[in-house]
Amino acid sequence: MQAWLEMDFLKASITLGRMALGTKNRQQQTAEVCKQHLRENHMRQLGLVEEFIQEIEGTGKNHDVGKWGQFADASWKNEEMLKRLDAAFEKWLNP
């Protein structure tokens, strides 16, 4: 019975590891889409865009690409996410 429990635990650990990797990949993809969108659509304000990116992600030990998830929703529709991102950038520019 103990061997069976250990096997179940191992399977659960592997599944959770895959889910975590998938989540991490999704967070990275979201971050890249957001940063590319900002850089392409606000080229004249590139210095401010980079400052905004650093403010969102943090730096050093506080760096977290998962913070871009605040613009995403459960449907993962990029169009809606980018609208929210643009609104946040405009609000950041004009507090």
PDB file of N, CA and C in Angstrom:
ATOM      1  N   MET A   1       0.817  -1.196   0.000  1.00  0.00           N
ATOM      2  CA  MET A   1       0.000   0.000   0.000  1.00  0.00           C
ATOM      3  C   MET A   1       0.861   1.260   0.000  1.00  0.00           C
ATOM      4  N   GLN A   2       1.949   1.234   0.760  1.00  0.00           N
ATOM      5  CA  GLN A   2       2.817   2.404   0.818  1.00  0.00           C
ATOM      6  C   GLN A   2       3.433   2.680  -0.555  1.00  0.00           C
ATOM      7  N   ALA A   3       3.810   1.612  -1.262  1.00  0.00           N
ATOM      8  CA  ALA A   3       4.371   1.782  -2.605  1.00  0.00           C
ATOM      9  C   ALA A   3       3.345   2.441  -3.528  1.00  0.00           C
ATOM     10  N   TRP A   4       2.078   2.042  -3.392  1.00  0.00           N
ATOM     11  CA  TRP A   4       1.007   2.633  -4.202  1.00  0.00           C
ATOM     12  C   TRP A   4       0.855   4.120  -3.896  1.00  0.00           C
ATOM     13  N   LEU A   5       0.913   4.492  -2.601  1.00  0.00           N
ATOM     14  CA  LEU A   5       0.807   5.901  -2.204  1.00  0.00           C
ATOM     15  C   LEU A   5       1.990   6.707  -2.725  1.00  0.00           C
ATOM     16  N   GLU A   6       3.175   6.104  -2.643  1.00  0.00           N
ATOM     17  CA  GLU A   6       4.362   6.792  -3.153  1.00  0.00           C
ATOM     18  C   GLU A   6       4.262   7.006  -4.658  1.00  0.00           C
ATOM     19  N   MET A   7       3.710   6.031  -5.367  1.00  0.00           N
ATOM     20  CA  MET A   7       3.543   6.138  -6.811  1.00  0.00           C
ATOM     21  C   MET A   7       2.552   7.246  -7.143  1.00  0.00           C
ATOM     22  N   ASP A   8       1.445   7.314  -6.405  1.00  0.00           N
ATOM     23  CA  ASP A   8       0.469   8.386  -6.615  1.00  0.00           C
ATOM     24  C   ASP A   8       1.092   9.746  -6.351  1.00  0.00           C
ATOM     25  N   PHE A   9       1.890   9.844  -5.295  1.00  0.00           N
ATOM     26  CA  PHE A   9       2.548  11.104  -4.970  1.00  0.00           C
ATOM     27  C   PHE A   9       3.494  11.513  -6.091  1.00  0.00           C
ATOM     28  N   LEU A  10       4.246  10.545  -6.611  1.00  0.00           N
ATOM     29  CA  LEU A  10       5.174  10.819  -7.705  1.00  0.00           C
ATOM     30  C   LEU A  10       4.425  11.302  -8.946  1.00  0.00           C
ATOM     31  N   LYS A  11       3.325  10.645  -9.296  1.00  0.00           N
ATOM     32  CA  LYS A  11       2.519  11.069 -10.450  1.00  0.00           C
ATOM     33  C   LYS A  11       1.979  12.481 -10.250  1.00  0.00           C
ATOM     34  N   ALA A  12       1.495  12.765  -9.045  1.00  0.00           N
ATOM     35  CA  ALA A  12       0.959  14.097  -8.751  1.00  0.00           C
ATOM     36  C   ALA A  12       2.051  15.147  -8.851  1.00  0.00           C
ATOM     37  N   SER A  13       3.247  14.830  -8.364  1.00  0.00           N
ATOM     38  CA  SER A  13       4.369  15.771  -8.429  1.00  0.00           C
ATOM     39  C   SER A  13       4.750  16.083  -9.868  1.00  0.00           C
ATOM     40  N   ILE A  14       4.774  15.047 -10.700  1.00  0.00           N
ATOM     41  CA  ILE A  14       5.116  15.241 -12.116  1.00  0.00           C
ATOM     42  C   ILE A  14       4.062  16.104 -12.797  1.00  0.00           C
ATOM     43  N   THR A  15       2.792  15.822 -12.525  1.00  0.00           N
ATOM     44  CA  THR A  15       1.708  16.602 -13.126  1.00  0.00           C
ATOM     45  C   THR A  15       1.788  18.060 -12.686  1.00  0.00           C
ATOM     46  N   LEU A  16       1.988  18.297 -11.406  1.00  0.00           N
ATOM     47  CA  LEU A  16       2.094  19.670 -10.913  1.00  0.00           C
ATOM     48  C   LEU A  16       3.308  20.369 -11.501  1.00  0.00           C
ATOM     49  N   GLY A  17       4.400  19.633 -11.674  1.00  0.00           N
ATOM     50  CA  GLY A  17       5.590  20.212 -12.289  1.00  0.00           C
ATOM     51  C   GLY A  17       5.324  20.648 -13.712  1.00  0.00           C
ATOM     52  N   ARG A  18       4.593  19.836 -14.463  1.00  0.00           N
ATOM     53  CA  ARG A  18       4.247  20.198 -15.841  1.00  0.00           C
ATOM     54  C   ARG A  18       3.320  21.403 -15.868  1.00  0.00           C
ATOM     55  N   MET A  19       2.367  21.435 -14.948  1.00  0.00           N
ATOM     56  CA  MET A  19       1.441  22.571 -14.900  1.00  0.00           C
ATOM     57  C   MET A  19       2.199  23.845 -14.568  1.00  0.00           C
ATOM     58  N   ALA A  20       3.138  23.752 -13.629  1.00  0.00           N
ATOM     59  CA  ALA A  20       3.921  24.927 -13.259  1.00  0.00           C
ATOM     60  C   ALA A  20       4.754  25.408 -14.440  1.00  0.00           C
ATOM     61  N   LEU A  21       5.351  24.476 -15.176  1.00  0.00           N
ATOM     62  CA  LEU A  21       6.134  24.852 -16.349  1.00  0.00           C
ATOM     63  C   LEU A  21       5.243  25.506 -17.389  1.00  0.00           C
ATOM     64  N   GLY A  22       4.054  24.963 -17.603  1.00  0.00           N
ATOM     65  CA  GLY A  22       3.117  25.561 -18.548  1.00  0.00           C
ATOM     66  C   GLY A  22       2.711  26.952 -18.127  1.00  0.00           C
ATOM     67  N   THR A  23       2.483  27.132 -16.840  1.00  0.00           N
ATOM     68  CA  THR A  23       2.119  28.451 -16.326  1.00  0.00           C
ATOM     69  C   THR A  23       3.268  29.427 -16.528  1.00  0.00           C
ATOM     70  N   LYS A  24       4.471  28.971 -16.238  1.00  0.00           N
ATOM     71  CA  LYS A  24       5.644  29.835 -16.402  1.00  0.00           C
ATOM     72  C   LYS A  24       5.819  30.230 -17.866  1.00  0.00           C
ATOM     73  N   ASN A  25       5.639  29.269 -18.771  1.00  0.00           N
ATOM     74  CA  ASN A  25       5.743  29.576 -20.199  1.00  0.00           C
ATOM     75  C   ASN A  25       4.667  30.575 -20.617  1.00  0.00           C
ATOM     76  N   ARG A  26       3.460  30.382 -20.118  1.00  0.00           N
ATOM     77  CA  ARG A  26       2.365  31.301 -20.458  1.00  0.00           C
ATOM     78  C   ARG A  26       2.645  32.703 -19.933  1.00  0.00           C
ATOM     79  N   GLN A  27       3.189  32.790 -18.734  1.00  0.00           N
ATOM     80  CA  GLN A  27       3.538  34.100 -18.173  1.00  0.00           C
ATOM     81  C   GLN A  27       4.599  34.780 -19.020  1.00  0.00           C
ATOM     82  N   GLN A  28       5.579  34.007 -19.460  1.00  0.00           N
ATOM     83  CA  GLN A  28       6.646  34.563 -20.301  1.00  0.00           C
ATOM     84  C   GLN A  28       6.082  35.041 -21.643  1.00  0.00           C
ATOM     85  N   GLN A  29       5.178  34.253 -22.228  1.00  0.00           N
ATOM     86  CA  GLN A  29       4.556  34.644 -23.496  1.00  0.00           C
ATOM     87  C   GLN A  29       3.753  35.930 -23.325  1.00  0.00           C
ATOM     88  N   THR A  30       2.996  36.014 -22.243  1.00  0.00           N
ATOM     89  CA  THR A  30       2.198  37.215 -21.973  1.00  0.00           C
ATOM     90  C   THR A  30       3.107  38.423 -21.838  1.00  0.00           C
ATOM     91  N   ALA A  31       4.199  38.269 -21.104  1.00  0.00           N
ATOM     92  CA  ALA A  31       5.146  39.369 -20.917  1.00  0.00           C
ATOM     93  C   ALA A  31       5.726  39.818 -22.253  1.00  0.00           C
ATOM     94  N   GLU A  32       6.119  38.871 -23.086  1.00  0.00           N
ATOM     95  CA  GLU A  32       6.720  39.210 -24.378  1.00  0.00           C
ATOM     96  C   GLU A  32       5.720  39.916 -25.291  1.00  0.00           C
ATOM     97  N   VAL A  33       4.485  39.443 -25.326  1.00  0.00           N
ATOM     98  CA  VAL A  33       3.451  40.078 -26.159  1.00  0.00           C
ATOM     99  C   VAL A  33       3.219  41.514 -25.693  1.00  0.00           C
ATOM    100  N   CYS A  34       3.121  41.704 -24.381  1.00  0.00           N
ATOM    101  CA  CYS A  34       2.875  43.044 -23.843  1.00  0.00           C
ATOM    102  C   CYS A  34       4.027  43.997 -24.142  1.00  0.00           C
ATOM    103  N   LYS A  35       5.254  43.542 -23.893  1.00  0.00           N
ATOM    104  CA  LYS A  35       6.413  44.415 -24.122  1.00  0.00           C
ATOM    105  C   LYS A  35       6.569  44.757 -25.602  1.00  0.00           C
ATOM    106  N   GLN A  36       6.387  43.776 -26.461  1.00  0.00           N
ATOM    107  CA  GLN A  36       6.491  44.032 -27.900  1.00  0.00           C
ATOM    108  C   GLN A  36       5.427  45.030 -28.343  1.00  0.00           C
ATOM    109  N   HIS A  37       4.210  44.860 -27.848  1.00  0.00           N
ATOM    110  CA  HIS A  37       3.121  45.767 -28.195  1.00  0.00           C
ATOM    111  C   HIS A  37       3.463  47.203 -27.779  1.00  0.00           C
ATOM    112  N   LEU A  38       3.929  47.367 -26.555  1.00  0.00           N
ATOM    113  CA  LEU A  38       4.280  48.708 -26.079  1.00  0.00           C
ATOM    114  C   LEU A  38       5.396  49.317 -26.919  1.00  0.00           C
ATOM    115  N   ARG A  39       6.423  48.541 -27.186  1.00  0.00           N
ATOM    116  CA  ARG A  39       7.567  49.059 -27.946  1.00  0.00           C
ATOM    117  C   ARG A  39       7.185  49.425 -29.373  1.00  0.00           C
ATOM    118  N   GLU A  40       6.315  48.648 -29.991  1.00  0.00           N
ATOM    119  CA  GLU A  40       5.919  48.922 -31.377  1.00  0.00           C
ATOM    120  C   GLU A  40       4.923  50.072 -31.481  1.00  0.00           C
ATOM    121  N   ASN A  41       4.015  50.178 -30.534  1.00  0.00           N
ATOM    122  CA  ASN A  41       2.956  51.174 -30.629  1.00  0.00           C
ATOM    123  C   ASN A  41       3.282  52.506 -29.970  1.00  0.00           C
ATOM    124  N   HIS A  42       4.368  52.559 -29.241  1.00  0.00           N
ATOM    125  CA  HIS A  42       4.758  53.806 -28.566  1.00  0.00           C
ATOM    126  C   HIS A  42       6.245  54.070 -28.817  1.00  0.00           C
ATOM    127  N   MET A  43       6.653  53.919 -30.075  1.00  0.00           N
ATOM    128  CA  MET A  43       8.063  54.052 -30.440  1.00  0.00           C
ATOM    129  C   MET A  43       8.631  55.425 -30.096  1.00  0.00           C
ATOM    130  N   ARG A  44       7.813  56.441 -30.191  1.00  0.00           N
ATOM    131  CA  ARG A  44       8.294  57.803 -29.912  1.00  0.00           C
ATOM    132  C   ARG A  44       8.548  58.026 -28.427  1.00  0.00           C
ATOM    133  N   GLN A  45       8.012  57.128 -27.617  1.00  0.00           N
ATOM    134  CA  GLN A  45       8.152  57.247 -26.165  1.00  0.00           C
ATOM    135  C   GLN A  45       8.910  56.045 -25.602  1.00  0.00           C
ATOM    136  N   LEU A  46       9.880  55.561 -26.344  1.00  0.00           N
ATOM    137  CA  LEU A  46      10.555  54.317 -25.991  1.00  0.00           C
ATOM    138  C   LEU A  46      11.205  54.373 -24.609  1.00  0.00           C
ATOM    139  N   GLY A  47      11.775  55.494 -24.267  1.00  0.00           N
ATOM    140  CA  GLY A  47      12.380  55.633 -22.931  1.00  0.00           C
ATOM    141  C   GLY A  47      11.342  55.453 -21.839  1.00  0.00           C
ATOM    142  N   LEU A  48      10.177  56.055 -22.026  1.00  0.00           N
ATOM    143  CA  LEU A  48       9.100  55.917 -21.054  1.00  0.00           C
ATOM    144  C   LEU A  48       8.537  54.494 -21.042  1.00  0.00           C
ATOM    145  N   VAL A  49       8.487  53.877 -22.212  1.00  0.00           N
ATOM    146  CA  VAL A  49       8.014  52.488 -22.308  1.00  0.00           C
ATOM    147  C   VAL A  49       8.928  51.590 -21.483  1.00  0.00           C
ATOM    148  N   GLU A  50      10.242  51.752 -21.629  1.00  0.00           N
ATOM    149  CA  GLU A  50      11.184  50.923 -20.884  1.00  0.00           C
ATOM    150  C   GLU A  50      11.050  51.162 -19.384  1.00  0.00           C
ATOM    151  N   GLU A  51      10.822  52.401 -18.992  1.00  0.00           N
ATOM    152  CA  GLU A  51      10.617  52.717 -17.580  1.00  0.00           C
ATOM    153  C   GLU A  51       9.334  52.050 -17.061  1.00  0.00           C
ATOM    154  N   PHE A  52       8.280  52.083 -17.853  1.00  0.00           N
ATOM    155  CA  PHE A  52       7.008  51.444 -17.497  1.00  0.00           C
ATOM    156  C   PHE A  52       7.198  49.931 -17.363  1.00  0.00           C
ATOM    157  N   ILE A  53       7.939  49.341 -18.296  1.00  0.00           N
ATOM    158  CA  ILE A  53       8.208  47.900 -18.253  1.00  0.00           C
ATOM    159  C   ILE A  53       8.931  47.539 -16.960  1.00  0.00           C
ATOM    160  N   GLN A  54       9.934  48.313 -16.606  1.00  0.00           N
ATOM    161  CA  GLN A  54      10.664  48.047 -15.364  1.00  0.00           C
ATOM    162  C   GLN A  54       9.761  48.203 -14.146  1.00  0.00           C
ATOM    163  N   GLU A  55       8.877  49.173 -14.203  1.00  0.00           N
ATOM    164  CA  GLU A  55       7.965  49.372 -13.079  1.00  0.00           C
ATOM    165  C   GLU A  55       7.006  48.190 -12.936  1.00  0.00           C
ATOM    166  N   ILE A  56       6.550  47.644 -14.047  1.00  0.00           N
ATOM    167  CA  ILE A  56       5.648  46.492 -14.000  1.00  0.00           C
ATOM    168  C   ILE A  56       6.400  45.250 -13.515  1.00  0.00           C
ATOM    169  N   GLU A  57       7.523  44.934 -14.140  1.00  0.00           N
ATOM    170  CA  GLU A  57       8.253  43.696 -13.851  1.00  0.00           C
ATOM    171  C   GLU A  57       9.074  43.749 -12.582  1.00  0.00           C
ATOM    172  N   GLY A  58       9.510  44.935 -12.219  1.00  0.00           N
ATOM    173  CA  GLY A  58      10.449  45.038 -11.115  1.00  0.00           C
ATOM    174  C   GLY A  58      11.856  44.752 -11.610  1.00  0.00           C
ATOM    175  N   THR A  59      12.824  44.910 -10.744  1.00  0.00           N
ATOM    176  CA  THR A  59      14.222  44.662 -11.110  1.00  0.00           C
ATOM    177  C   THR A  59      14.889  43.831 -10.016  1.00  0.00           C
ATOM    178  N   GLY A  60      16.021  43.256 -10.362  1.00  0.00           N
ATOM    179  CA  GLY A  60      16.787  42.489  -9.378  1.00  0.00           C
ATOM    180  C   GLY A  60      15.990  41.348  -8.780  1.00  0.00           C
ATOM    181  N   LYS A  61      16.008  41.241  -7.459  1.00  0.00           N
ATOM    182  CA  LYS A  61      15.282  40.172  -6.766  1.00  0.00           C
ATOM    183  C   LYS A  61      13.779  40.316  -6.912  1.00  0.00           C
ATOM    184  N   ASN A  62      13.315  41.502  -7.198  1.00  0.00           N
ATOM    185  CA  ASN A  62      11.875  41.755  -7.326  1.00  0.00           C
ATOM    186  C   ASN A  62      11.354  41.547  -8.741  1.00  0.00           C
ATOM    187  N   HIS A  63      12.226  41.123  -9.669  1.00  0.00           N
ATOM    188  CA  HIS A  63      11.826  40.917 -11.071  1.00  0.00           C
ATOM    189  C   HIS A  63      10.823  39.764 -11.159  1.00  0.00           C
ATOM    190  N   ASP A  64       9.672  40.011 -11.791  1.00  0.00           N
ATOM    191  CA  ASP A  64       8.631  38.985 -11.898  1.00  0.00           C
ATOM    192  C   ASP A  64       7.811  39.231 -13.159  1.00  0.00           C
ATOM    193  N   VAL A  65       8.045  38.406 -14.196  1.00  0.00           N
ATOM    194  CA  VAL A  65       7.286  38.568 -15.438  1.00  0.00           C
ATOM    195  C   VAL A  65       5.819  38.211 -15.244  1.00  0.00           C
ATOM    196  N   GLY A  66       5.501  37.513 -14.181  1.00  0.00           N
ATOM    197  CA  GLY A  66       4.107  37.155 -13.901  1.00  0.00           C
ATOM    198  C   GLY A  66       3.225  38.357 -13.646  1.00  0.00           C
ATOM    199  N   LYS A  67       3.824  39.501 -13.373  1.00  0.00           N
ATOM    200  CA  LYS A  67       3.040  40.710 -13.096  1.00  0.00           C
ATOM    201  C   LYS A  67       2.295  41.221 -14.327  1.00  0.00           C
ATOM    202  N   TRP A  68       2.702  40.755 -15.517  1.00  0.00           N
ATOM    203  CA  TRP A  68       1.981  41.131 -16.730  1.00  0.00           C
ATOM    204  C   TRP A  68       0.604  40.478 -16.753  1.00  0.00           C
ATOM    205  N   GLY A  69       0.412  39.459 -15.954  1.00  0.00           N
ATOM    206  CA  GLY A  69      -0.869  38.774 -15.883  1.00  0.00           C
ATOM    207  C   GLY A  69      -2.010  39.661 -15.425  1.00  0.00           C
ATOM    208  N   GLN A  70      -1.697  40.790 -14.813  1.00  0.00           N
ATOM    209  CA  GLN A  70      -2.752  41.714 -14.386  1.00  0.00           C
ATOM    210  C   GLN A  70      -3.548  42.270 -15.570  1.00  0.00           C
ATOM    211  N   PHE A  71      -2.983  42.177 -16.764  1.00  0.00           N
ATOM    212  CA  PHE A  71      -3.681  42.684 -17.946  1.00  0.00           C
ATOM    213  C   PHE A  71      -4.444  41.583 -18.679  1.00  0.00           C
ATOM    214  N   ALA A  72      -4.162  40.340 -18.340  1.00  0.00           N
ATOM    215  CA  ALA A  72      -4.810  39.191 -18.988  1.00  0.00           C
ATOM    216  C   ALA A  72      -6.086  38.836 -18.236  1.00  0.00           C
ATOM    217  N   ASP A  73      -6.908  38.031 -18.881  1.00  0.00           N
ATOM    218  CA  ASP A  73      -8.086  37.486 -18.211  1.00  0.00           C
ATOM    219  C   ASP A  73      -8.172  35.997 -18.533  1.00  0.00           C
ATOM    220  N   ALA A  74      -9.189  35.349 -18.052  1.00  0.00           N
ATOM    221  CA  ALA A  74      -9.309  33.896 -18.204  1.00  0.00           C
ATOM    222  C   ALA A  74      -9.409  33.464 -19.666  1.00  0.00           C
ATOM    223  N   SER A  75      -9.899  34.335 -20.535  1.00  0.00           N
ATOM    224  CA  SER A  75     -10.062  33.953 -21.939  1.00  0.00           C
ATOM    225  C   SER A  75      -8.747  34.053 -22.723  1.00  0.00           C
ATOM    226  N   TRP A  76      -7.742  34.732 -22.175  1.00  0.00           N
ATOM    227  CA  TRP A  76      -6.440  34.906 -22.806  1.00  0.00           C
ATOM    228  C   TRP A  76      -6.540  35.527 -24.201  1.00  0.00           C
ATOM    229  N   LYS A  77      -7.487  36.441 -24.373  1.00  0.00           N
ATOM    230  CA  LYS A  77      -7.614  37.133 -25.659  1.00  0.00           C
ATOM    231  C   LYS A  77      -6.639  38.306 -25.668  1.00  0.00           C
ATOM    232  N   ASN A  78      -5.702  38.264 -26.613  1.00  0.00           N
ATOM    233  CA  ASN A  78      -4.684  39.303 -26.662  1.00  0.00           C
ATOM    234  C   ASN A  78      -5.268  40.679 -26.923  1.00  0.00           C
ATOM    235  N   GLU A  79      -6.283  40.759 -27.742  1.00  0.00           N
ATOM    236  CA  GLU A  79      -6.863  42.060 -28.074  1.00  0.00           C
ATOM    237  C   GLU A  79      -7.352  42.776 -26.817  1.00  0.00           C
ATOM    238  N   GLU A  80      -8.070  42.075 -25.974  1.00  0.00           N
ATOM    239  CA  GLU A  80      -8.578  42.673 -24.732  1.00  0.00           C
ATOM    240  C   GLU A  80      -7.428  42.993 -23.782  1.00  0.00           C
ATOM    241  N   MET A  81      -6.466  42.094 -23.704  1.00  0.00           N
ATOM    242  CA  MET A  81      -5.310  42.301 -22.831  1.00  0.00           C
ATOM    243  C   MET A  81      -4.554  43.562 -23.238  1.00  0.00           C
ATOM    244  N   LEU A  82      -4.359  43.742 -24.541  1.00  0.00           N
ATOM    245  CA  LEU A  82      -3.598  44.888 -25.017  1.00  0.00           C
ATOM    246  C   LEU A  82      -4.356  46.198 -24.833  1.00  0.00           C
ATOM    247  N   LYS A  83      -5.680  46.145 -24.891  1.00  0.00           N
ATOM    248  CA  LYS A  83      -6.483  47.341 -24.585  1.00  0.00           C
ATOM    249  C   LYS A  83      -6.266  47.756 -23.136  1.00  0.00           C
ATOM    250  N   ARG A  84      -6.296  46.772 -22.223  1.00  0.00           N
ATOM    251  CA  ARG A  84      -6.072  47.073 -20.806  1.00  0.00           C
ATOM    252  C   ARG A  84      -4.649  47.586 -20.583  1.00  0.00           C
ATOM    253  N   LEU A  85      -3.690  47.014 -21.301  1.00  0.00           N
ATOM    254  CA  LEU A  85      -2.303  47.447 -21.194  1.00  0.00           C
ATOM    255  C   LEU A  85      -2.155  48.898 -21.652  1.00  0.00           C
ATOM    256  N   ASP A  86      -2.733  49.229 -22.805  1.00  0.00           N
ATOM    257  CA  ASP A  86      -2.662  50.610 -23.307  1.00  0.00           C
ATOM    258  C   ASP A  86      -3.304  51.589 -22.338  1.00  0.00           C
ATOM    259  N   ALA A  87      -4.442  51.197 -21.765  1.00  0.00           N
ATOM    260  CA  ALA A  87      -5.114  52.070 -20.795  1.00  0.00           C
ATOM    261  C   ALA A  87      -4.225  52.290 -19.573  1.00  0.00           C
ATOM    262  N   ALA A  88      -3.576  51.235 -19.108  1.00  0.00           N
ATOM    263  CA  ALA A  88      -2.684  51.373 -17.936  1.00  0.00           C
ATOM    264  C   ALA A  88      -1.482  52.244 -18.267  1.00  0.00           C
ATOM    265  N   PHE A  89      -0.940  52.106 -19.475  1.00  0.00           N
ATOM    266  CA  PHE A  89       0.200  52.918 -19.880  1.00  0.00           C
ATOM    267  C   PHE A  89      -0.203  54.393 -19.968  1.00  0.00           C
ATOM    268  N   GLU A  90      -1.341  54.660 -20.561  1.00  0.00           N
ATOM    269  CA  GLU A  90      -1.828  56.050 -20.663  1.00  0.00           C
ATOM    270  C   GLU A  90      -2.080  56.640 -19.273  1.00  0.00           C
ATOM    271  N   LYS A  91      -2.647  55.839 -18.391  1.00  0.00           N
ATOM    272  CA  LYS A  91      -2.889  56.310 -17.016  1.00  0.00           C
ATOM    273  C   LYS A  91      -1.567  56.572 -16.308  1.00  0.00           C
ATOM    274  N   TRP A  92      -0.582  55.732 -16.557  1.00  0.00           N
ATOM    275  CA  TRP A  92       0.746  55.914 -15.959  1.00  0.00           C
ATOM    276  C   TRP A  92       1.397  57.187 -16.503  1.00  0.00           C
ATOM    277  N   LEU A  93       1.213  57.461 -17.796  1.00  0.00           N
ATOM    278  CA  LEU A  93       1.768  58.682 -18.392  1.00  0.00           C
ATOM    279  C   LEU A  93       1.078  59.928 -17.878  1.00  0.00           C
ATOM    280  N   ASN A  94      -0.223  59.837 -17.665  1.00  0.00           N
ATOM    281  CA  ASN A  94      -1.034  60.989 -17.259  1.00  0.00           C
ATOM    282  C   ASN A  94      -1.786  60.671 -15.975  1.00  0.00           C
ATOM    283  N   PRO A  95      -1.084  60.665 -14.845  1.00  0.00           N
ATOM    284  CA  PRO A  95      -1.749  60.282 -13.585  1.00  0.00           C
ATOM    285  C   PRO A  95      -2.831  61.250 -13.144  1.00  0.00           C
TER     286      PRO A  95
END
